[in-house]
Amino acid sequence: MATAMSNRLAYNRERLAKLSQSVIFRQPERLYDGYLQKIDQLQLRLKQGIRDAYGQGANQLQGLRHRLEAMSPLHRIERYQDRLLQDKRILTNRMEQVLKEQKNQGAKLIRSPLDARYQSDYCAWLCHG
């Protein structure tokens, strides 16, 4: 029995020596390296997810803000004022063009051959008067 006990004791000592040389007991922090890497990856994914969600929310808010501004009575009034001003400019330019054309037509009538006879009679009357 003493031999069996000493064999068992030797076996356990050998096993203890072998286990004490194991990486887990020599560098116990390495046991958690995999977990720490996984936590880091999950934290990065979480941060990216938060950034994405924030960006989507900000874009959606911006779109809604633009829609609201477009529907605002003040914005519509400003658009109509701009259109009115543009139409006024077009009308003014067209009126000036029509007046210019009428003036040119009047000048042509004055210089017509019939008027040349009256002009020469007028000149003769002034000169011989």
N, C-alpha and C. Protein backbone atom coordinates (compact mmCIF):
# COMPACT_ATOMS: atom_id res chain seq x y z
N MET A 1 0.80 -1.17 0.00
CA MET A 1 0.00 0.00 0.00
C MET A 1 0.87 1.26 0.00
N ALA A 2 2.00 1.19 0.66
CA ALA A 2 2.90 2.32 0.68
C ALA A 2 3.42 2.58 -0.71
N THR A 3 3.63 1.55 -1.45
CA THR A 3 4.11 1.73 -2.81
C THR A 3 3.02 2.38 -3.66
N ALA A 4 1.83 1.96 -3.48
CA ALA A 4 0.73 2.54 -4.24
C ALA A 4 0.56 4.00 -3.89
N MET A 5 0.74 4.28 -2.61
CA MET A 5 0.62 5.68 -2.17
C MET A 5 1.76 6.50 -2.73
N SER A 6 2.96 5.96 -2.72
CA SER A 6 4.09 6.73 -3.23
C SER A 6 3.97 6.89 -4.74
N ASN A 7 3.44 5.85 -5.42
CA ASN A 7 3.20 5.99 -6.88
C ASN A 7 2.17 7.09 -7.16
N ARG A 8 1.15 7.04 -6.36
CA ARG A 8 0.09 8.06 -6.53
C ARG A 8 0.64 9.43 -6.23
N LEU A 9 1.43 9.57 -5.18
CA LEU A 9 2.04 10.83 -4.81
C LEU A 9 2.98 11.31 -5.91
N ALA A 10 3.75 10.46 -6.49
CA ALA A 10 4.67 10.80 -7.57
C ALA A 10 3.88 11.25 -8.79
N TYR A 11 2.81 10.53 -9.06
CA TYR A 11 1.97 10.88 -10.20
C TYR A 11 1.38 12.28 -10.02
N ASN A 12 0.88 12.54 -8.81
CA ASN A 12 0.28 13.85 -8.53
C ASN A 12 1.33 14.96 -8.58
N ARG A 13 2.53 14.70 -8.10
CA ARG A 13 3.61 15.71 -8.17
C ARG A 13 3.98 16.00 -9.64
N GLU A 14 4.04 14.96 -10.41
CA GLU A 14 4.36 15.11 -11.83
C GLU A 14 3.26 15.92 -12.53
N ARG A 15 2.07 15.58 -12.18
CA ARG A 15 0.95 16.31 -12.77
C ARG A 15 0.95 17.77 -12.34
N LEU A 16 1.24 18.05 -11.07
CA LEU A 16 1.34 19.40 -10.54
C LEU A 16 2.43 20.17 -11.26
N ALA A 17 3.57 19.58 -11.47
CA ALA A 17 4.69 20.23 -12.17
C ALA A 17 4.28 20.54 -13.61
N LYS A 18 3.61 19.60 -14.22
CA LYS A 18 3.19 19.80 -15.61
C LYS A 18 2.16 20.92 -15.70
N LEU A 19 1.18 20.92 -14.80
CA LEU A 19 0.14 21.95 -14.80
C LEU A 19 0.71 23.32 -14.44
N SER A 20 1.67 23.33 -13.52
CA SER A 20 2.25 24.63 -13.13
C SER A 20 3.05 25.25 -14.27
N GLN A 21 3.47 24.46 -15.21
CA GLN A 21 4.16 24.98 -16.39
C GLN A 21 3.17 25.42 -17.49
N SER A 22 1.91 25.16 -17.28
CA SER A 22 0.87 25.52 -18.25
C SER A 22 0.81 27.04 -18.41
N VAL A 23 0.48 27.49 -19.62
CA VAL A 23 0.40 28.92 -19.95
C VAL A 23 -0.60 29.62 -19.05
N ILE A 24 -1.67 28.95 -18.73
CA ILE A 24 -2.73 29.56 -17.92
C ILE A 24 -2.20 29.96 -16.55
N PHE A 25 -1.35 29.15 -15.96
CA PHE A 25 -0.82 29.47 -14.63
C PHE A 25 0.38 30.39 -14.69
N ARG A 26 1.14 30.32 -15.79
CA ARG A 26 2.31 31.20 -15.91
C ARG A 26 1.87 32.61 -16.33
N GLN A 27 0.88 32.71 -17.22
CA GLN A 27 0.39 34.01 -17.69
C GLN A 27 -1.15 33.98 -17.67
N PRO A 28 -1.73 34.13 -16.48
CA PRO A 28 -3.18 34.01 -16.36
C PRO A 28 -3.93 35.09 -17.15
N GLU A 29 -3.26 36.23 -17.42
CA GLU A 29 -3.94 37.30 -18.18
C GLU A 29 -4.28 36.86 -19.61
N ARG A 30 -3.50 35.89 -20.11
CA ARG A 30 -3.77 35.41 -21.48
C ARG A 30 -5.09 34.66 -21.56
N LEU A 31 -5.56 34.19 -20.40
CA LEU A 31 -6.84 33.51 -20.36
C LEU A 31 -7.97 34.48 -20.77
N TYR A 32 -7.78 35.76 -20.47
CA TYR A 32 -8.82 36.76 -20.74
C TYR A 32 -8.59 37.53 -22.05
N ASP A 33 -7.48 37.28 -22.73
CA ASP A 33 -7.18 38.00 -23.97
C ASP A 33 -8.30 37.85 -25.00
N GLY A 34 -8.77 36.67 -25.19
CA GLY A 34 -9.86 36.44 -26.16
C GLY A 34 -11.11 37.20 -25.78
N TYR A 35 -11.43 37.20 -24.48
CA TYR A 35 -12.61 37.92 -24.02
C TYR A 35 -12.44 39.42 -24.21
N LEU A 36 -11.24 39.91 -23.90
CA LEU A 36 -10.97 41.34 -24.05
C LEU A 36 -11.05 41.77 -25.52
N GLN A 37 -10.52 40.93 -26.41
CA GLN A 37 -10.62 41.25 -27.83
C GLN A 37 -12.08 41.29 -28.28
N LYS A 38 -12.84 40.33 -27.81
CA LYS A 38 -14.26 40.29 -28.17
C LYS A 38 -14.98 41.53 -27.64
N ILE A 39 -14.66 41.93 -26.42
CA ILE A 39 -15.26 43.14 -25.84
C ILE A 39 -14.88 44.36 -26.66
N ASP A 40 -13.60 44.47 -27.07
CA ASP A 40 -13.16 45.59 -27.90
C ASP A 40 -13.91 45.62 -29.23
N GLN A 41 -14.06 44.47 -29.84
CA GLN A 41 -14.79 44.40 -31.11
C GLN A 41 -16.25 44.83 -30.94
N LEU A 42 -16.86 44.36 -29.86
CA LEU A 42 -18.26 44.72 -29.61
C LEU A 42 -18.40 46.21 -29.31
N GLN A 43 -17.43 46.76 -28.59
CA GLN A 43 -17.47 48.20 -28.31
C GLN A 43 -17.34 49.00 -29.60
N LEU A 44 -16.44 48.58 -30.49
CA LEU A 44 -16.28 49.26 -31.77
C LEU A 44 -17.56 49.18 -32.60
N ARG A 45 -18.17 48.00 -32.63
CA ARG A 45 -19.42 47.84 -33.37
C ARG A 45 -20.53 48.71 -32.78
N LEU A 46 -20.56 48.77 -31.45
CA LEU A 46 -21.57 49.59 -30.77
C LEU A 46 -21.37 51.07 -31.12
N LYS A 47 -20.13 51.54 -31.04
CA LYS A 47 -19.85 52.94 -31.37
C LYS A 47 -20.21 53.24 -32.82
N GLN A 48 -19.87 52.33 -33.73
CA GLN A 48 -20.20 52.53 -35.15
C GLN A 48 -21.70 52.54 -35.35
N GLY A 49 -22.39 51.66 -34.65
CA GLY A 49 -23.85 51.62 -34.74
C GLY A 49 -24.48 52.91 -34.24
N ILE A 50 -23.93 53.43 -33.15
CA ILE A 50 -24.43 54.70 -32.60
C ILE A 50 -24.18 55.82 -33.60
N ARG A 51 -22.97 55.86 -34.19
CA ARG A 51 -22.66 56.90 -35.19
C ARG A 51 -23.60 56.80 -36.39
N ASP A 52 -23.82 55.57 -36.86
CA ASP A 52 -24.72 55.38 -38.00
C ASP A 52 -26.14 55.83 -37.68
N ALA A 53 -26.62 55.43 -36.51
CA ALA A 53 -27.98 55.80 -36.11
C ALA A 53 -28.09 57.32 -35.97
N TYR A 54 -27.07 57.93 -35.39
CA TYR A 54 -27.08 59.39 -35.23
C TYR A 54 -27.07 60.07 -36.60
N GLY A 55 -26.23 59.56 -37.51
CA GLY A 55 -26.16 60.15 -38.85
C GLY A 55 -27.48 60.02 -39.59
N GLN A 56 -28.11 58.86 -39.49
CA GLN A 56 -29.41 58.67 -40.14
C GLN A 56 -30.46 59.61 -39.53
N GLY A 57 -30.42 59.71 -38.21
CA GLY A 57 -31.37 60.61 -37.54
C GLY A 57 -31.14 62.06 -37.93
N ALA A 58 -29.87 62.46 -38.02
CA ALA A 58 -29.55 63.83 -38.41
C ALA A 58 -29.99 64.10 -39.84
N ASN A 59 -29.78 63.13 -40.74
CA ASN A 59 -30.22 63.29 -42.13
C ASN A 59 -31.74 63.38 -42.22
N GLN A 60 -32.40 62.55 -41.47
CA GLN A 60 -33.86 62.57 -41.48
C GLN A 60 -34.37 63.89 -40.92
N LEU A 61 -33.75 64.37 -39.87
CA LEU A 61 -34.13 65.65 -39.28
C LEU A 61 -33.92 66.78 -40.29
N GLN A 62 -32.80 66.75 -40.98
CA GLN A 62 -32.50 67.78 -41.99
C GLN A 62 -33.55 67.76 -43.10
N GLY A 63 -33.93 66.57 -43.55
CA GLY A 63 -34.95 66.45 -44.59
C GLY A 63 -36.29 67.00 -44.11
N LEU A 64 -36.65 66.67 -42.90
CA LEU A 64 -37.91 67.18 -42.35
C LEU A 64 -37.86 68.69 -42.18
N ARG A 65 -36.71 69.19 -41.78
CA ARG A 65 -36.54 70.64 -41.61
C ARG A 65 -36.73 71.35 -42.95
N HIS A 66 -36.14 70.79 -44.02
CA HIS A 66 -36.29 71.39 -45.35
C HIS A 66 -37.76 71.34 -45.80
N ARG A 67 -38.42 70.22 -45.56
CA ARG A 67 -39.83 70.12 -45.93
C ARG A 67 -40.67 71.13 -45.17
N LEU A 68 -40.37 71.29 -43.89
CA LEU A 68 -41.11 72.25 -43.07
C LEU A 68 -40.88 73.67 -43.57
N GLU A 69 -39.63 73.99 -43.88
CA GLU A 69 -39.33 75.33 -44.40
C GLU A 69 -40.03 75.57 -45.73
N ALA A 70 -40.07 74.55 -46.58
CA ALA A 70 -40.72 74.69 -47.88
C ALA A 70 -42.22 74.91 -47.73
N MET A 71 -42.79 74.35 -46.68
CA MET A 71 -44.23 74.48 -46.46
C MET A 71 -44.57 75.74 -45.66
N SER A 72 -43.60 76.42 -45.13
CA SER A 72 -43.83 77.59 -44.30
C SER A 72 -44.45 78.72 -45.11
N PRO A 73 -45.45 79.40 -44.57
CA PRO A 73 -46.06 80.53 -45.29
C PRO A 73 -45.04 81.62 -45.62
N LEU A 74 -44.12 81.86 -44.73
CA LEU A 74 -43.11 82.89 -44.98
C LEU A 74 -42.26 82.53 -46.19
N HIS A 75 -41.88 81.27 -46.27
CA HIS A 75 -41.07 80.82 -47.41
C HIS A 75 -41.87 80.95 -48.71
N ARG A 76 -43.14 80.57 -48.66
CA ARG A 76 -43.99 80.69 -49.85
C ARG A 76 -44.14 82.14 -50.26
N ILE A 77 -44.32 83.03 -49.29
CA ILE A 77 -44.45 84.46 -49.59
C ILE A 77 -43.17 84.96 -50.25
N GLU A 78 -42.02 84.55 -49.72
CA GLU A 78 -40.74 84.98 -50.30
C GLU A 78 -40.61 84.48 -51.74
N ARG A 79 -41.02 83.24 -51.99
CA ARG A 79 -40.98 82.70 -53.36
C ARG A 79 -41.88 83.49 -54.29
N TYR A 80 -43.10 83.79 -53.81
CA TYR A 80 -44.03 84.56 -54.64
C TYR A 80 -43.52 85.98 -54.87
N GLN A 81 -42.88 86.57 -53.86
CA GLN A 81 -42.30 87.90 -54.04
C GLN A 81 -41.20 87.87 -55.09
N ASP A 82 -40.38 86.84 -55.05
CA ASP A 82 -39.33 86.70 -56.06
C ASP A 82 -39.94 86.55 -57.46
N ARG A 83 -40.97 85.72 -57.56
CA ARG A 83 -41.63 85.54 -58.86
C ARG A 83 -42.27 86.84 -59.34
N LEU A 84 -42.89 87.57 -58.41
CA LEU A 84 -43.51 88.84 -58.75
C LEU A 84 -42.46 89.84 -59.25
N LEU A 85 -41.34 89.89 -58.57
CA LEU A 85 -40.26 90.79 -58.98
C LEU A 85 -39.73 90.40 -60.35
N GLN A 86 -39.56 89.12 -60.59
CA GLN A 86 -39.09 88.65 -61.89
C GLN A 86 -40.11 88.98 -62.98
N ASP A 87 -41.39 88.75 -62.71
CA ASP A 87 -42.43 89.07 -63.69
C ASP A 87 -42.47 90.57 -63.96
N LYS A 88 -42.27 91.37 -62.93
CA LYS A 88 -42.26 92.84 -63.08
C LYS A 88 -41.10 93.26 -63.98
N ARG A 89 -39.95 92.67 -63.78
CA ARG A 89 -38.79 92.99 -64.64
C ARG A 89 -39.08 92.62 -66.10
N ILE A 90 -39.65 91.44 -66.29
CA ILE A 90 -39.97 90.99 -67.65
C ILE A 90 -40.97 91.95 -68.29
N LEU A 91 -42.00 92.32 -67.54
CA LEU A 91 -43.01 93.24 -68.07
C LEU A 91 -42.41 94.60 -68.39
N THR A 92 -41.57 95.11 -67.50
CA THR A 92 -40.92 96.41 -67.74
C THR A 92 -40.05 96.35 -68.98
N ASN A 93 -39.27 95.30 -69.13
CA ASN A 93 -38.42 95.15 -70.32
C ASN A 93 -39.27 95.08 -71.58
N ARG A 94 -40.36 94.33 -71.52
CA ARG A 94 -41.23 94.19 -72.69
C ARG A 94 -41.89 95.53 -73.04
N MET A 95 -42.32 96.26 -72.01
CA MET A 95 -42.93 97.58 -72.26
C MET A 95 -41.92 98.53 -72.89
N GLU A 96 -40.70 98.51 -72.38
CA GLU A 96 -39.65 99.37 -72.96
C GLU A 96 -39.40 98.98 -74.41
N GLN A 97 -39.42 97.71 -74.70
CA GLN A 97 -39.20 97.22 -76.06
C GLN A 97 -40.34 97.68 -76.98
N VAL A 98 -41.59 97.58 -76.50
CA VAL A 98 -42.74 98.01 -77.30
C VAL A 98 -42.68 99.51 -77.55
N LEU A 99 -42.36 100.29 -76.51
CA LEU A 99 -42.26 101.74 -76.68
C LEU A 99 -41.16 102.11 -77.67
N LYS A 100 -40.05 101.40 -77.59
CA LYS A 100 -38.95 101.65 -78.52
C LYS A 100 -39.38 101.34 -79.95
N GLU A 101 -40.09 100.22 -80.13
CA GLU A 101 -40.58 99.86 -81.46
C GLU A 101 -41.56 100.90 -81.98
N GLN A 102 -42.46 101.38 -81.12
CA GLN A 102 -43.42 102.40 -81.53
C GLN A 102 -42.71 103.71 -81.89
N LYS A 103 -41.71 104.06 -81.12
CA LYS A 103 -40.93 105.27 -81.40
C LYS A 103 -40.23 105.14 -82.76
N ASN A 104 -39.66 103.96 -83.01
CA ASN A 104 -38.99 103.73 -84.30
C ASN A 104 -39.99 103.80 -85.45
N GLN A 105 -41.17 103.25 -85.25
CA GLN A 105 -42.20 103.30 -86.29
C GLN A 105 -42.63 104.74 -86.55
N GLY A 106 -42.75 105.54 -85.49
CA GLY A 106 -43.10 106.96 -85.64
C GLY A 106 -42.02 107.71 -86.40
N ALA A 107 -40.79 107.39 -86.09
CA ALA A 107 -39.68 108.05 -86.78
C ALA A 107 -39.66 107.67 -88.25
N LYS A 108 -40.01 106.44 -88.55
CA LYS A 108 -40.07 106.01 -89.95
C LYS A 108 -41.17 106.76 -90.70
N LEU A 109 -42.29 106.96 -90.05
CA LEU A 109 -43.39 107.68 -90.69
C LEU A 109 -42.99 109.12 -91.00
N ILE A 110 -42.25 109.71 -90.08
CA ILE A 110 -41.81 111.10 -90.28
C ILE A 110 -40.87 111.18 -91.47
N ARG A 111 -40.05 110.17 -91.66
CA ARG A 111 -39.08 110.18 -92.74
C ARG A 111 -39.61 109.58 -94.04
N SER A 112 -40.88 109.30 -94.10
CA SER A 112 -41.43 108.69 -95.30
C SER A 112 -41.38 109.69 -96.47
N PRO A 113 -41.48 109.22 -97.73
CA PRO A 113 -41.39 110.10 -98.91
C PRO A 113 -42.46 111.19 -98.91
N LEU A 114 -43.65 110.90 -98.43
CA LEU A 114 -44.70 111.90 -98.38
C LEU A 114 -44.30 113.06 -97.50
N ASP A 115 -43.68 112.73 -96.38
CA ASP A 115 -43.24 113.77 -95.47
C ASP A 115 -42.08 114.56 -96.03
N ALA A 116 -41.31 113.94 -96.89
CA ALA A 116 -40.20 114.66 -97.51
C ALA A 116 -40.72 115.85 -98.31
N ARG A 117 -41.87 115.69 -98.99
CA ARG A 117 -42.45 116.79 -99.75
C ARG A 117 -42.87 117.92 -98.82
N TYR A 118 -43.50 117.55 -97.68
CA TYR A 118 -43.92 118.58 -96.73
C TYR A 118 -42.71 119.26 -96.11
N GLN A 119 -41.66 118.48 -95.86
CA GLN A 119 -40.45 119.09 -95.30
C GLN A 119 -39.83 120.08 -96.28
N SER A 120 -39.81 119.73 -97.56
CA SER A 120 -39.22 120.67 -98.53
C SER A 120 -40.09 121.92 -98.65
N ASP A 121 -41.44 121.75 -98.59
CA ASP A 121 -42.33 122.91 -98.63
C ASP A 121 -42.10 123.78 -97.39
N TYR A 122 -41.91 123.16 -96.28
CA TYR A 122 -41.67 123.89 -95.02
C TYR A 122 -40.35 124.65 -95.10
N CYS A 123 -39.32 123.96 -95.64
CA CYS A 123 -38.03 124.63 -95.80
C CYS A 123 -38.15 125.81 -96.76
N ALA A 124 -38.89 125.61 -97.83
CA ALA A 124 -39.08 126.70 -98.79
C ALA A 124 -39.82 127.86 -98.16
N TRP A 125 -40.80 127.57 -97.42
CA TRP A 125 -41.59 128.62 -96.76
C TRP A 125 -40.72 129.39 -95.78
N LEU A 126 -39.85 128.63 -94.99
CA LEU A 126 -38.96 129.31 -94.04
C LEU A 126 -37.93 130.16 -94.76
N CYS A 127 -37.39 129.60 -95.80
CA CYS A 127 -36.32 130.29 -96.51
C CYS A 127 -36.88 131.51 -97.28
N HIS A 128 -38.07 131.44 -97.88
CA HIS A 128 -38.59 132.51 -98.74
C HIS A 128 -39.62 133.34 -98.01
N GLY A 129 -40.04 132.87 -96.90
CA GLY A 129 -41.09 133.43 -96.13
C GLY A 129 -41.33 134.79 -96.06
